[in-house]
Amino acid sequence: MDATLYAIALTFIKGIGPINAKGLIGHFESVQGIFDAKPADFKGFNKNISVLLDKNIKNQAIERAAKEIEFARKHNINIHCLLDESYPYRLRECEDSPIILYSLGDCDLNSGYFVAVIGTRNVTSYGKECCYKLIKELSANQQDATIISGLAYGVDSIAHKAALNENFHTIGVVAHGLDRLYPAQNKALARKIVDSGGAIVTEYPSETRIDAANFVKRNRIIAGLCDASVIVESAERGGALITAEAANTYNRDVFAFPGRCDDNFSQGCNNLIKTNQAQIITSADDIINAMGWKKKTPEQQPLFTELTDEERKIVEILHKTELDANDLSKELKIPIQKMLSTLVVMELKGLVKSSRGNFSKA
């Protein structure tokens, strides 16, 4: 727990930031080592670093971190430190990933395929249709996909709802602490996400105020968590485009649905495609093929539930041996004409096959 305490404390020291934090951890070989260090030990770092890590500031940060740990314990919030197994490995690969991530819910942040589905708050009927269709098709072809979005109005909310409809786990990445939810109208949706095996995730501790700048930073978390990001609809400027930019920086795949050239809420997607910052898609197959993901094996339907009593008896016999129609007729005491018509129907269903007058199980 000491490592967690010091790691959280480091996030409370203004001016450090995730990149500097990682540099310090690497230099001192532990988070606690940073707090035990003397001013002279920071030689080689920006001279402001030692000022930021003044003893009084460090003590205040540790005190605040202890309260955050207690808050998390009380509210069943998971704390993922950068080097923990539970920390998302995809996000760890990103240079500016946070050293601490908080999550509410039991979703595994590392298992399966992670797909971000994001876009404008001013979603159109076309965007809604694309979103629902995409996730439904993913559900038909993938067993292990998790849908990531930002729990905002518009495309984000639709993506979460579509994922829940298809029994996918879904993760909402928010730009504030887990002591609140913005927008408040999505509280019920957030609860359903958690109750359905998903999670609400953030880099921000409790008591973080709602700030526009945090939403911009939040978008890099969405991009970093995912194997692929899909922009459903976006105007010429918008948060989804910031996510796409971050994903490209992380060398992650970006996809976008094309829209009409005169549609304001497709301008962002069209520009991404035109400038080769996103691959064009019209269906989930485009993503699956581009990513090289294996398609879900169709579930085999129970054979006997679709059979009549006579068909079932025929299959049971042919499972053991081949017989001709006459022998089957005698064995099952079914008139030969009825037996012949039944075998024709079964052959069309793919249940039996004939060879030189004999029938066998297909």
Protein backbone atom coordinates (compact mmCIF):
# COMPACT_ATOMS: atom_id res chain seq x y z
CA MET A 1 0.00 0.00 0.00
CA ASP A 2 2.96 2.36 0.59
CA ALA A 3 3.75 2.40 -3.13
CA THR A 4 0.12 3.26 -3.90
CA LEU A 5 0.11 5.99 -1.27
CA TYR A 6 3.24 7.65 -2.68
CA ALA A 7 2.09 7.25 -6.28
CA ILE A 8 -1.23 8.96 -5.53
CA ALA A 9 0.61 11.63 -3.54
CA LEU A 10 2.79 12.36 -6.57
CA THR A 11 -0.34 13.14 -8.61
CA PHE A 12 -1.32 15.78 -6.05
CA ILE A 13 1.87 17.77 -6.59
CA LYS A 14 1.02 20.41 -9.17
CA GLY A 15 3.47 20.86 -11.99
CA ILE A 16 4.85 17.31 -12.02
CA GLY A 17 2.58 15.71 -14.62
CA PRO A 18 2.69 12.09 -15.84
CA ILE A 19 5.79 12.38 -18.04
CA ASN A 20 7.92 13.94 -15.30
CA ALA A 21 6.47 11.50 -12.79
CA LYS A 22 7.61 8.54 -14.87
CA GLY A 23 11.06 10.06 -15.27
CA LEU A 24 11.37 10.52 -11.53
CA ILE A 25 10.16 6.99 -10.77
CA GLY A 26 12.72 5.59 -13.21
CA HIS A 27 15.52 7.69 -11.75
CA PHE A 28 14.81 6.88 -8.10
CA GLU A 29 13.67 3.30 -8.89
CA SER A 30 10.58 3.66 -6.73
CA VAL A 31 7.89 6.22 -5.95
CA GLN A 32 8.84 6.32 -2.29
CA GLY A 33 12.41 7.12 -3.31
CA ILE A 34 11.19 10.41 -4.77
CA PHE A 35 9.72 11.44 -1.43
CA ASP A 36 12.81 10.37 0.51
CA ALA A 37 15.17 12.27 -1.82
CA LYS A 38 16.98 15.47 -0.84
CA PRO A 39 17.08 18.59 -3.07
CA ALA A 40 20.62 17.73 -4.25
CA ASP A 41 19.36 14.36 -5.52
CA PHE A 42 17.35 16.08 -8.25
CA LYS A 43 20.45 17.21 -10.11
CA GLY A 44 19.92 16.72 -13.82
CA PHE A 45 16.19 17.41 -13.61
CA ASN A 46 14.48 20.72 -14.29
CA LYS A 47 15.47 23.00 -11.42
CA ASN A 48 11.80 23.62 -10.62
CA ILE A 49 11.29 19.94 -9.79
CA SER A 50 13.07 20.19 -6.43
CA VAL A 51 11.00 23.28 -5.60
CA LEU A 52 7.80 21.41 -6.44
CA LEU A 53 8.96 18.59 -4.18
CA ASP A 54 9.51 20.80 -1.15
CA LYS A 55 9.14 18.85 2.12
CA ASN A 56 5.95 20.65 3.17
CA ILE A 57 4.38 20.10 -0.25
CA LYS A 58 5.28 16.41 -0.13
CA ASN A 59 3.77 15.99 3.34
CA GLN A 60 0.55 17.69 2.27
CA ALA A 61 0.37 15.45 -0.81
CA ILE A 62 0.83 12.31 1.29
CA GLU A 63 -1.91 13.43 3.66
CA ARG A 64 -4.26 14.08 0.74
CA ALA A 65 -3.36 10.70 -0.79
CA ALA A 66 -4.22 8.89 2.44
CA LYS A 67 -7.67 10.48 2.38
CA GLU A 68 -8.11 9.43 -1.26
CA ILE A 69 -7.26 5.83 -0.43
CA GLU A 70 -9.79 5.87 2.39
CA PHE A 71 -12.42 7.36 0.05
CA ALA A 72 -11.72 4.63 -2.52
CA ARG A 73 -11.95 1.90 0.09
CA LYS A 74 -15.26 3.24 1.38
CA HIS A 75 -16.81 3.42 -2.10
CA ASN A 76 -15.38 0.22 -3.61
CA ILE A 77 -13.18 2.13 -6.05
CA ASN A 78 -10.23 0.28 -7.56
CA ILE A 79 -6.85 2.02 -7.70
CA HIS A 80 -4.50 0.97 -10.52
CA CYS A 81 -0.88 2.07 -10.24
CA LEU A 82 1.25 2.24 -13.37
CA LEU A 83 3.27 -0.89 -12.59
CA ASP A 84 0.36 -2.94 -11.21
CA GLU A 85 -0.89 -5.96 -13.19
CA SER A 86 -4.38 -4.48 -13.18
CA TYR A 87 -3.20 -1.30 -14.91
CA PRO A 88 -4.26 -1.34 -18.61
CA TYR A 89 -1.22 -2.53 -20.55
CA ARG A 90 -2.30 -0.64 -23.67
CA LEU A 91 -2.41 2.62 -21.75
CA ARG A 92 0.93 1.91 -20.08
CA GLU A 93 2.54 1.99 -23.53
CA CYS A 94 1.56 5.66 -23.98
CA GLU A 95 4.17 8.24 -23.00
CA ASP A 96 1.69 10.57 -21.27
CA SER A 97 -0.43 7.92 -19.55
CA PRO A 98 -1.33 8.70 -15.92
CA ILE A 99 0.54 6.92 -13.15
CA ILE A 100 -2.76 6.37 -11.30
CA LEU A 101 -6.12 5.24 -12.68
CA TYR A 102 -9.31 4.89 -10.65
CA SER A 103 -12.15 2.58 -11.66
CA LEU A 104 -15.59 1.74 -10.35
CA GLY A 105 -16.70 -1.74 -11.37
CA ASP A 106 -15.15 -5.16 -11.88
CA CYS A 107 -14.31 -4.96 -15.59
CA ASP A 108 -10.92 -6.38 -16.56
CA LEU A 109 -9.09 -3.49 -18.23
CA ASN A 110 -6.79 -5.84 -20.14
CA SER A 111 -8.88 -8.71 -21.45
CA GLY A 112 -10.15 -9.03 -25.04
CA TYR A 113 -10.46 -6.45 -27.80
CA PHE A 114 -11.07 -2.82 -26.80
CA VAL A 115 -12.88 -0.55 -29.25
CA ALA A 116 -13.61 3.15 -28.68
CA VAL A 117 -16.85 4.36 -30.26
CA ILE A 118 -17.05 8.14 -30.04
CA GLY A 119 -18.42 11.21 -31.77
CA THR A 120 -20.45 14.38 -31.57
CA ARG A 121 -22.93 15.26 -28.85
CA ASN A 122 -25.24 16.47 -31.64
CA VAL A 123 -25.70 13.02 -33.10
CA THR A 124 -28.07 12.67 -36.08
CA SER A 125 -30.34 9.78 -36.98
CA TYR A 126 -27.63 8.62 -39.40
CA GLY A 127 -25.07 8.58 -36.58
CA LYS A 128 -27.41 6.63 -34.30
CA GLU A 129 -28.02 4.07 -37.02
CA CYS A 130 -24.28 3.67 -37.70
CA CYS A 131 -23.55 3.27 -34.00
CA TYR A 132 -26.21 0.64 -33.29
CA LYS A 133 -25.42 -1.25 -36.50
CA LEU A 134 -21.67 -1.29 -35.81
CA ILE A 135 -22.01 -2.66 -32.29
CA LYS A 136 -24.66 -5.19 -33.29
CA GLU A 137 -22.36 -6.49 -36.04
CA LEU A 138 -19.42 -6.62 -33.65
CA SER A 139 -21.57 -8.65 -31.27
CA ALA A 140 -22.42 -11.10 -34.04
CA ASN A 141 -18.74 -11.62 -34.86
CA GLN A 142 -16.77 -11.10 -31.65
CA GLN A 143 -16.98 -12.73 -28.25
CA ASP A 144 -14.45 -10.61 -26.41
CA ALA A 145 -15.01 -7.00 -27.42
CA THR A 146 -15.37 -4.19 -24.88
CA ILE A 147 -16.82 -0.86 -25.99
CA ILE A 148 -15.15 2.30 -24.64
CA SER A 149 -16.64 5.79 -24.75
CA GLY A 150 -16.81 9.02 -22.79
CA LEU A 151 -20.26 8.77 -21.14
CA ALA A 152 -21.20 12.13 -22.67
CA TYR A 153 -24.36 13.08 -24.56
CA GLY A 154 -24.81 11.98 -28.16
CA VAL A 155 -22.69 9.25 -29.72
CA ASP A 156 -21.04 8.33 -26.40
CA SER A 157 -24.32 7.55 -24.63
CA ILE A 158 -25.64 5.66 -27.64
CA ALA A 159 -22.47 3.57 -27.82
CA HIS A 160 -22.80 2.57 -24.17
CA LYS A 161 -26.48 1.74 -24.56
CA ALA A 162 -25.89 -0.27 -27.75
CA ALA A 163 -23.13 -2.22 -25.99
CA LEU A 164 -25.45 -3.02 -23.09
CA ASN A 165 -28.13 -4.14 -25.55
CA GLU A 166 -25.64 -6.61 -27.05
CA ASN A 167 -24.41 -7.83 -23.63
CA PHE A 168 -20.98 -6.32 -24.23
CA HIS A 169 -18.97 -4.93 -21.35
CA THR A 170 -18.60 -1.19 -21.76
CA ILE A 171 -16.33 1.34 -20.06
CA GLY A 172 -17.09 5.02 -19.56
CA VAL A 173 -14.04 7.27 -19.23
CA VAL A 174 -14.89 10.44 -17.32
CA ALA A 175 -13.09 13.75 -16.74
CA HIS A 176 -13.64 14.10 -12.99
CA GLY A 177 -13.44 12.11 -9.76
CA LEU A 178 -15.74 9.20 -8.97
CA ASP A 179 -17.53 11.16 -6.26
CA ARG A 180 -19.77 12.70 -8.95
CA LEU A 181 -20.96 12.17 -12.51
CA TYR A 182 -21.20 14.56 -15.41
CA PRO A 183 -23.62 14.86 -17.07
CA ALA A 184 -25.89 14.06 -14.12
CA GLN A 185 -28.57 12.76 -16.51
CA ASN A 186 -26.33 9.77 -17.22
CA LYS A 187 -26.19 8.54 -13.62
CA ALA A 188 -28.64 5.71 -14.31
CA LEU A 189 -26.66 4.71 -17.40
CA ALA A 190 -23.42 4.72 -15.41
CA ARG A 191 -24.96 2.50 -12.76
CA LYS A 192 -26.20 0.07 -15.41
CA ILE A 193 -22.72 -0.03 -16.98
CA VAL A 194 -21.16 -1.00 -13.64
CA ASP A 195 -23.92 -3.46 -12.72
CA SER A 196 -23.52 -5.17 -16.12
CA GLY A 197 -19.84 -5.92 -15.59
CA GLY A 198 -18.40 -2.74 -17.10
CA ALA A 199 -16.64 0.15 -15.39
CA ILE A 200 -16.36 3.91 -14.98
CA VAL A 201 -12.72 4.97 -15.26
CA THR A 202 -10.85 8.20 -14.55
CA GLU A 203 -7.39 9.54 -13.77
CA TYR A 204 -8.88 12.21 -11.50
CA PRO A 205 -9.30 11.89 -7.72
CA SER A 206 -12.38 12.84 -5.76
CA GLU A 207 -13.22 16.53 -5.35
CA THR A 208 -11.93 17.34 -8.83
CA ARG A 209 -14.04 20.15 -10.22
CA ILE A 210 -15.67 19.94 -13.62
CA ASP A 211 -13.24 21.67 -15.98
CA ALA A 212 -13.24 21.83 -19.78
CA ALA A 213 -9.48 21.17 -19.94
CA ASN A 214 -9.95 17.85 -18.17
CA PHE A 215 -12.24 16.61 -20.94
CA VAL A 216 -9.50 17.27 -23.48
CA LYS A 217 -7.00 15.30 -21.35
CA ARG A 218 -9.60 12.56 -20.83
CA ASN A 219 -9.68 11.88 -24.57
CA ARG A 220 -6.10 10.54 -24.53
CA ILE A 221 -7.20 7.95 -21.97
CA ILE A 222 -9.95 6.73 -24.31
CA ALA A 223 -7.46 6.46 -27.17
CA GLY A 224 -4.81 4.79 -25.03
CA LEU A 225 -7.14 2.15 -23.62
CA CYS A 226 -8.13 0.86 -27.06
CA ASP A 227 -6.90 -1.28 -29.89
CA ALA A 228 -9.03 0.74 -32.30
CA SER A 229 -11.05 3.96 -32.24
CA VAL A 230 -14.15 4.55 -34.34
CA ILE A 231 -15.41 8.07 -35.03
CA VAL A 232 -19.10 7.82 -35.84
CA GLU A 233 -19.92 11.48 -36.43
CA SER A 234 -17.97 14.67 -35.80
CA ALA A 235 -18.11 18.27 -36.88
CA GLU A 236 -15.00 19.93 -38.28
CA ARG A 237 -13.82 20.45 -34.70
CA GLY A 238 -14.65 18.36 -31.67
CA GLY A 239 -13.43 16.13 -28.87
CA ALA A 240 -13.65 13.01 -31.03
CA LEU A 241 -11.02 14.46 -33.35
CA ILE A 242 -8.71 15.05 -30.36
CA THR A 243 -9.16 11.37 -29.48
CA ALA A 244 -8.37 10.40 -33.08
CA GLU A 245 -5.23 12.54 -33.01
CA ALA A 246 -4.09 10.92 -29.76
CA ALA A 247 -4.77 7.43 -31.16
CA ASN A 248 -2.67 8.19 -34.23
CA THR A 249 0.12 9.46 -31.99
CA TYR A 250 -0.01 6.15 -30.12
CA ASN A 251 0.08 4.23 -33.44
CA ARG A 252 -3.39 2.86 -32.82
CA ASP A 253 -5.87 2.20 -35.62
CA VAL A 254 -8.50 4.86 -36.28
CA PHE A 255 -11.67 4.31 -38.30
CA ALA A 256 -14.41 6.73 -39.37
CA PHE A 257 -17.83 6.47 -40.96
CA PRO A 258 -18.11 8.67 -44.07
CA GLY A 259 -20.96 11.13 -44.39
CA ARG A 260 -22.49 13.40 -47.01
CA CYS A 261 -20.17 16.16 -48.15
CA ASP A 262 -22.65 18.85 -47.06
CA ASP A 263 -23.41 17.35 -43.65
CA ASN A 264 -21.88 19.48 -40.88
CA PHE A 265 -21.65 16.58 -38.46
CA SER A 266 -19.72 14.42 -40.92
CA GLN A 267 -17.10 17.01 -41.81
CA GLY A 268 -14.68 15.78 -39.16
CA CYS A 269 -14.99 12.14 -40.26
CA ASN A 270 -14.68 13.04 -43.95
CA ASN A 271 -11.56 15.10 -43.27
CA LEU A 272 -9.96 12.29 -41.25
CA ILE A 273 -10.54 9.91 -44.14
CA LYS A 274 -9.41 12.42 -46.76
CA THR A 275 -6.14 13.12 -44.93
CA ASN A 276 -5.45 9.42 -44.23
CA GLN A 277 -5.82 9.90 -40.49
CA ALA A 278 -8.62 7.33 -40.41
CA GLN A 279 -9.63 4.31 -42.44
CA ILE A 280 -13.08 4.44 -43.99
CA ILE A 281 -15.58 1.90 -42.68
CA THR A 282 -19.18 1.02 -43.46
CA SER A 283 -19.50 -2.08 -41.26
CA ALA A 284 -17.88 -3.97 -38.40
CA ASP A 285 -16.32 -6.35 -40.93
CA ASP A 286 -14.06 -3.51 -42.07
CA ILE A 287 -12.63 -3.21 -38.55
CA ILE A 288 -12.36 -6.95 -37.95
CA ASN A 289 -10.54 -7.51 -41.23
CA ALA A 290 -8.22 -4.52 -40.83
CA MET A 291 -7.30 -5.57 -37.30
CA GLY A 292 -6.88 -9.23 -38.22
CA TRP A 293 -9.29 -10.36 -35.50
CA LYS A 294 -10.76 -13.83 -35.65
CA LYS A 295 -14.50 -13.95 -36.09
CA LYS A 296 -16.65 -15.64 -33.50
CA THR A 297 -17.41 -19.28 -34.27
CA PRO A 298 -21.17 -19.62 -34.80
CA GLU A 299 -22.82 -21.48 -31.98
CA GLN A 300 -24.05 -24.90 -33.03
CA GLN A 301 -27.74 -25.21 -32.42
CA PRO A 302 -28.88 -28.28 -30.49
CA LEU A 303 -29.70 -30.80 -33.16
CA PHE A 304 -32.71 -32.48 -31.69
CA THR A 305 -34.68 -29.37 -30.81
CA GLU A 306 -35.42 -28.81 -34.52
CA LEU A 307 -36.40 -32.41 -35.29
CA THR A 308 -39.73 -34.17 -35.31
CA ASP A 309 -40.02 -37.43 -33.35
CA GLU A 310 -39.64 -39.44 -36.56
CA GLU A 311 -36.58 -37.44 -37.68
CA ARG A 312 -34.99 -37.88 -34.28
CA LYS A 313 -35.45 -41.66 -34.39
CA ILE A 314 -33.98 -41.81 -37.91
CA VAL A 315 -30.90 -39.79 -36.86
CA GLU A 316 -30.38 -42.02 -33.82
CA ILE A 317 -30.35 -45.13 -36.00
CA LEU A 318 -28.16 -43.63 -38.73
CA HIS A 319 -25.71 -42.44 -36.11
CA LYS A 320 -24.88 -46.14 -35.57
CA THR A 321 -25.10 -47.55 -39.07
CA GLU A 322 -26.07 -46.93 -42.70
CA LEU A 323 -29.44 -48.24 -43.87
CA ASP A 324 -31.61 -47.98 -46.96
CA ALA A 325 -35.14 -46.60 -46.92
CA ASN A 326 -36.77 -50.03 -46.78
CA ASP A 327 -34.76 -51.12 -43.74
CA LEU A 328 -35.52 -47.82 -41.99
CA SER A 329 -39.21 -48.26 -42.82
CA LYS A 330 -39.23 -51.73 -41.26
CA GLU A 331 -37.13 -50.74 -38.26
CA LEU A 332 -39.31 -47.81 -37.32
CA LYS A 333 -42.62 -49.23 -38.63
CA ILE A 334 -43.15 -46.17 -40.84
CA PRO A 335 -44.86 -46.66 -44.24
CA ILE A 336 -42.29 -46.61 -47.04
CA GLN A 337 -43.84 -43.64 -48.87
CA LYS A 338 -43.82 -41.55 -45.72
CA MET A 339 -40.25 -42.69 -44.98
CA LEU A 340 -39.06 -41.64 -48.45
CA SER A 341 -40.63 -38.18 -48.17
CA THR A 342 -39.19 -37.74 -44.67
CA LEU A 343 -35.70 -38.68 -45.88
CA VAL A 344 -35.93 -36.19 -48.74
CA VAL A 345 -36.79 -33.39 -46.30
CA MET A 346 -33.99 -34.45 -43.95
CA GLU A 347 -31.49 -34.47 -46.79
CA LEU A 348 -32.49 -30.93 -47.72
CA LYS A 349 -31.95 -29.91 -44.09
CA GLY A 350 -28.49 -31.44 -44.19
CA LEU A 351 -29.34 -34.01 -41.54
CA VAL A 352 -28.74 -37.11 -43.66
CA LYS A 353 -26.90 -37.96 -46.85
CA SER A 354 -27.50 -40.74 -49.38
CA SER A 355 -25.01 -42.87 -51.23
CA ARG A 356 -25.89 -45.78 -53.54
CA GLY A 357 -29.35 -46.16 -51.99
CA ASN A 358 -28.14 -46.10 -48.40
CA PHE A 359 -28.64 -43.27 -45.96
CA SER A 360 -26.23 -42.14 -43.27
CA LYS A 361 -26.06 -39.29 -40.78
CA ALA A 362 -24.68 -36.12 -42.40
